[in-house]
Amino acid sequence: MTKENNVRVHVPRIEYLRVQNYRALKNLELKDIKPLTCCSSFPTSNKA
C-alpha cells in the first residue's frame, strides 16, 4: 500500500460573475464568490 502525497491541486473556480440582459436578469453582479460544490443531473428516460 502506498501513501498519497499531500499535493495541492489548483482547480479553476469562478470568483466573479456578471450577467446583463439575460431573460429576467437585467443586471446581476456577484463578487467574491466563495468555493462551493454543485451537483446537477438531467432527468433521463428509460424508453427503448
PDB file of N, CA and C in Angstrom:
ATOM      1  N   MET A   1       0.846  -1.170   0.000  1.00  0.00           N
ATOM      2  CA  MET A   1       0.000   0.000   0.000  1.00  0.00           C
ATOM      3  C   MET A   1       0.895   1.238   0.000  1.00  0.00           C
ATOM      4  N   THR A   2       0.565   2.213  -0.826  1.00  0.00           N
ATOM      5  CA  THR A   2       1.387   3.411  -0.908  1.00  0.00           C
ATOM      6  C   THR A   2       0.653   4.592  -0.283  1.00  0.00           C
ATOM      7  N   LYS A   3       1.414   5.536   0.236  1.00  0.00           N
ATOM      8  CA  LYS A   3       0.834   6.749   0.810  1.00  0.00           C
ATOM      9  C   LYS A   3       0.690   7.798  -0.293  1.00  0.00           C
ATOM     10  N   GLU A   4      -0.398   8.559  -0.211  1.00  0.00           N
ATOM     11  CA  GLU A   4      -0.590   9.641  -1.168  1.00  0.00           C
ATOM     12  C   GLU A   4       0.197  10.860  -0.715  1.00  0.00           C
ATOM     13  N   ASN A   5       0.757  11.571  -1.667  1.00  0.00           N
ATOM     14  CA  ASN A   5       1.467  12.808  -1.351  1.00  0.00           C
ATOM     15  C   ASN A   5       0.452  13.913  -1.095  1.00  0.00           C
ATOM     16  N   ASN A   6       0.765  14.788  -0.167  1.00  0.00           N
ATOM     17  CA  ASN A   6      -0.105  15.925   0.095  1.00  0.00           C
ATOM     18  C   ASN A   6       0.199  17.023  -0.921  1.00  0.00           C
ATOM     19  N   VAL A   7      -0.347  16.858  -2.109  1.00  0.00           N
ATOM     20  CA  VAL A   7      -0.102  17.793  -3.198  1.00  0.00           C
ATOM     21  C   VAL A   7      -1.358  18.629  -3.403  1.00  0.00           C
ATOM     22  N   ARG A   8      -1.199  19.935  -3.427  1.00  0.00           N
ATOM     23  CA  ARG A   8      -2.335  20.815  -3.677  1.00  0.00           C
ATOM     24  C   ARG A   8      -2.563  20.920  -5.175  1.00  0.00           C
ATOM     25  N   VAL A   9      -3.783  20.680  -5.574  1.00  0.00           N
ATOM     26  CA  VAL A   9      -4.150  20.782  -6.981  1.00  0.00           C
ATOM     27  C   VAL A   9      -4.898  22.089  -7.166  1.00  0.00           C
ATOM     28  N   HIS A  10      -4.480  22.873  -8.121  1.00  0.00           N
ATOM     29  CA  HIS A  10      -5.141  24.142  -8.393  1.00  0.00           C
ATOM     30  C   HIS A  10      -6.320  23.892  -9.325  1.00  0.00           C
ATOM     31  N   VAL A  11      -7.506  24.102  -8.783  1.00  0.00           N
ATOM     32  CA  VAL A  11      -8.727  23.875  -9.536  1.00  0.00           C
ATOM     33  C   VAL A  11      -9.277  25.231  -9.963  1.00  0.00           C
ATOM     34  N   PRO A  12      -9.598  25.393 -11.247  1.00  0.00           N
ATOM     35  CA  PRO A  12     -10.183  26.668 -11.663  1.00  0.00           C
ATOM     36  C   PRO A  12     -11.536  26.880 -10.995  1.00  0.00           C
ATOM     37  N   ARG A  13     -11.794  28.095 -10.587  1.00  0.00           N
ATOM     38  CA  ARG A  13     -13.077  28.399  -9.959  1.00  0.00           C
ATOM     39  C   ARG A  13     -13.536  29.795 -10.345  1.00  0.00           C
ATOM     40  N   ILE A  14     -14.819  29.978 -10.274  1.00  0.00           N
ATOM     41  CA  ILE A  14     -15.424  31.268 -10.609  1.00  0.00           C
ATOM     42  C   ILE A  14     -15.385  32.138  -9.361  1.00  0.00           C
ATOM     43  N   GLU A  15     -14.798  33.318  -9.479  1.00  0.00           N
ATOM     44  CA  GLU A  15     -14.725  34.252  -8.362  1.00  0.00           C
ATOM     45  C   GLU A  15     -15.596  35.479  -8.583  1.00  0.00           C
ATOM     46  N   TYR A  16     -16.003  35.700  -9.823  1.00  0.00           N
ATOM     47  CA  TYR A  16     -16.792  36.885 -10.160  1.00  0.00           C
ATOM     48  C   TYR A  16     -17.726  36.515 -11.302  1.00  0.00           C
ATOM     49  N   LEU A  17     -18.988  36.956 -11.222  1.00  0.00           N
ATOM     50  CA  LEU A  17     -19.957  36.659 -12.266  1.00  0.00           C
ATOM     51  C   LEU A  17     -20.817  37.885 -12.515  1.00  0.00           C
ATOM     52  N   ARG A  18     -20.956  38.240 -13.776  1.00  0.00           N
ATOM     53  CA  ARG A  18     -21.783  39.385 -14.157  1.00  0.00           C
ATOM     54  C   ARG A  18     -22.688  38.969 -15.304  1.00  0.00           C
ATOM     55  N   VAL A  19     -23.991  39.191 -15.142  1.00  0.00           N
ATOM     56  CA  VAL A  19     -24.987  38.854 -16.156  1.00  0.00           C
ATOM     57  C   VAL A  19     -25.804  40.100 -16.436  1.00  0.00           C
ATOM     58  N   GLN A  20     -25.940  40.438 -17.712  1.00  0.00           N
ATOM     59  CA  GLN A  20     -26.744  41.588 -18.101  1.00  0.00           C
ATOM     60  C   GLN A  20     -27.709  41.185 -19.199  1.00  0.00           C
ATOM     61  N   ASN A  21     -28.958  41.605 -19.025  1.00  0.00           N
ATOM     62  CA  ASN A  21     -29.998  41.429 -20.038  1.00  0.00           C
ATOM     63  C   ASN A  21     -30.149  39.983 -20.513  1.00  0.00           C
ATOM     64  N   TYR A  22     -30.213  39.059 -19.575  1.00  0.00           N
ATOM     65  CA  TYR A  22     -30.488  37.669 -19.911  1.00  0.00           C
ATOM     66  C   TYR A  22     -31.800  37.280 -19.249  1.00  0.00           C
ATOM     67  N   ARG A  23     -32.833  37.140 -20.054  1.00  0.00           N
ATOM     68  CA  ARG A  23     -34.188  36.815 -19.580  1.00  0.00           C
ATOM     69  C   ARG A  23     -34.598  37.751 -18.457  1.00  0.00           C
ATOM     70  N   ALA A  24     -34.879  37.237 -17.272  1.00  0.00           N
ATOM     71  CA  ALA A  24     -35.341  38.080 -16.161  1.00  0.00           C
ATOM     72  C   ALA A  24     -34.175  38.779 -15.451  1.00  0.00           C
ATOM     73  N   LEU A  25     -32.951  38.406 -15.755  1.00  0.00           N
ATOM     74  CA  LEU A  25     -31.780  39.013 -15.108  1.00  0.00           C
ATOM     75  C   LEU A  25     -31.326  40.221 -15.911  1.00  0.00           C
ATOM     76  N   LYS A  26     -31.679  41.391 -15.456  1.00  0.00           N
ATOM     77  CA  LYS A  26     -31.313  42.620 -16.172  1.00  0.00           C
ATOM     78  C   LYS A  26     -29.904  43.074 -15.827  1.00  0.00           C
ATOM     79  N   ASN A  27     -29.557  42.991 -14.549  1.00  0.00           N
ATOM     80  CA  ASN A  27     -28.216  43.397 -14.133  1.00  0.00           C
ATOM     81  C   ASN A  27     -27.863  42.650 -12.850  1.00  0.00           C
ATOM     82  N   LEU A  28     -27.130  41.560 -12.976  1.00  0.00           N
ATOM     83  CA  LEU A  28     -26.725  40.747 -11.829  1.00  0.00           C
ATOM     84  C   LEU A  28     -25.212  40.751 -11.751  1.00  0.00           C
ATOM     85  N   GLU A  29     -24.690  41.047 -10.568  1.00  0.00           N
ATOM     86  CA  GLU A  29     -23.246  41.064 -10.368  1.00  0.00           C
ATOM     87  C   GLU A  29     -22.929  40.383  -9.038  1.00  0.00           C
ATOM     88  N   LEU A  30     -22.164  39.296  -9.096  1.00  0.00           N
ATOM     89  CA  LEU A  30     -21.757  38.565  -7.899  1.00  0.00           C
ATOM     90  C   LEU A  30     -20.250  38.702  -7.744  1.00  0.00           C
ATOM     91  N   LYS A  31     -19.829  39.244  -6.607  1.00  0.00           N
ATOM     92  CA  LYS A  31     -18.408  39.453  -6.336  1.00  0.00           C
ATOM     93  C   LYS A  31     -17.969  38.562  -5.181  1.00  0.00           C
ATOM     94  N   ASP A  32     -16.691  38.241  -5.143  1.00  0.00           N
ATOM     95  CA  ASP A  32     -16.096  37.442  -4.055  1.00  0.00           C
ATOM     96  C   ASP A  32     -16.892  36.162  -3.800  1.00  0.00           C
ATOM     97  N   ILE A  33     -17.136  35.395  -4.842  1.00  0.00           N
ATOM     98  CA  ILE A  33     -17.878  34.145  -4.720  1.00  0.00           C
ATOM     99  C   ILE A  33     -17.006  33.126  -3.999  1.00  0.00           C
ATOM    100  N   LYS A  34     -17.550  32.509  -2.966  1.00  0.00           N
ATOM    101  CA  LYS A  34     -16.822  31.506  -2.196  1.00  0.00           C
ATOM    102  C   LYS A  34     -16.919  30.155  -2.897  1.00  0.00           C
ATOM    103  N   PRO A  35     -15.908  29.307  -2.731  1.00  0.00           N
ATOM    104  CA  PRO A  35     -15.945  27.984  -3.363  1.00  0.00           C
ATOM    105  C   PRO A  35     -17.135  27.170  -2.851  1.00  0.00           C
ATOM    106  N   LEU A  36     -17.791  26.481  -3.758  1.00  0.00           N
ATOM    107  CA  LEU A  36     -18.892  25.611  -3.393  1.00  0.00           C
ATOM    108  C   LEU A  36     -18.995  24.479  -4.398  1.00  0.00           C
ATOM    109  N   THR A  37     -19.729  23.463  -4.028  1.00  0.00           N
ATOM    110  CA  THR A  37     -19.912  22.321  -4.902  1.00  0.00           C
ATOM    111  C   THR A  37     -21.359  22.256  -5.326  1.00  0.00           C
ATOM    112  N   CYS A  38     -21.564  22.066  -6.607  1.00  0.00           N
ATOM    113  CA  CYS A  38     -22.915  21.977  -7.137  1.00  0.00           C
ATOM    114  C   CYS A  38     -22.992  20.736  -8.015  1.00  0.00           C
ATOM    115  N   CYS A  39     -23.883  19.847  -7.677  1.00  0.00           N
ATOM    116  CA  CYS A  39     -24.082  18.639  -8.461  1.00  0.00           C
ATOM    117  C   CYS A  39     -25.432  18.732  -9.167  1.00  0.00           C
ATOM    118  N   SER A  40     -25.419  18.484 -10.432  1.00  0.00           N
ATOM    119  CA  SER A  40     -26.648  18.602 -11.206  1.00  0.00           C
ATOM    120  C   SER A  40     -26.764  17.402 -12.123  1.00  0.00           C
ATOM    121  N   SER A  41     -27.981  16.971 -12.321  1.00  0.00           N
ATOM    122  CA  SER A  41     -28.203  15.886 -13.272  1.00  0.00           C
ATOM    123  C   SER A  41     -29.474  16.166 -14.043  1.00  0.00           C
ATOM    124  N   PHE A  42     -29.526  15.684 -15.249  1.00  0.00           N
ATOM    125  CA  PHE A  42     -30.697  15.871 -16.084  1.00  0.00           C
ATOM    126  C   PHE A  42     -31.548  14.610 -16.014  1.00  0.00           C
ATOM    127  N   PRO A  43     -32.864  14.781 -15.970  1.00  0.00           N
ATOM    128  CA  PRO A  43     -33.710  13.590 -15.956  1.00  0.00           C
ATOM    129  C   PRO A  43     -33.553  12.813 -17.270  1.00  0.00           C
ATOM    130  N   THR A  44     -33.519  11.531 -17.138  1.00  0.00           N
ATOM    131  CA  THR A  44     -33.386  10.692 -18.322  1.00  0.00           C
ATOM    132  C   THR A  44     -34.601   9.792 -18.439  1.00  0.00           C
ATOM    133  N   SER A  45     -34.903   9.407 -19.644  1.00  0.00           N
ATOM    134  CA  SER A  45     -35.999   8.471 -19.827  1.00  0.00           C
ATOM    135  C   SER A  45     -35.423   7.101 -20.130  1.00  0.00           C
ATOM    136  N   ASN A  46     -36.032   6.094 -19.621  1.00  0.00           N
ATOM    137  CA  ASN A  46     -35.555   4.728 -19.816  1.00  0.00           C
ATOM    138  C   ASN A  46     -36.311   4.037 -20.943  1.00  0.00           C
ATOM    139  N   LYS A  47     -36.795   4.833 -21.870  1.00  0.00           N
ATOM    140  CA  LYS A  47     -37.522   4.247 -23.001  1.00  0.00           C
ATOM    141  C   LYS A  47     -36.537   3.630 -23.989  1.00  0.00           C
ATOM    142  N   ALA A  48     -36.932   2.524 -24.538  1.00  0.00           N
ATOM    143  CA  ALA A  48     -36.064   1.850 -25.502  1.00  0.00           C
ATOM    144  C   ALA A  48     -36.237   2.438 -26.874  1.00  0.00           C
TER     145      ALA A  48
END
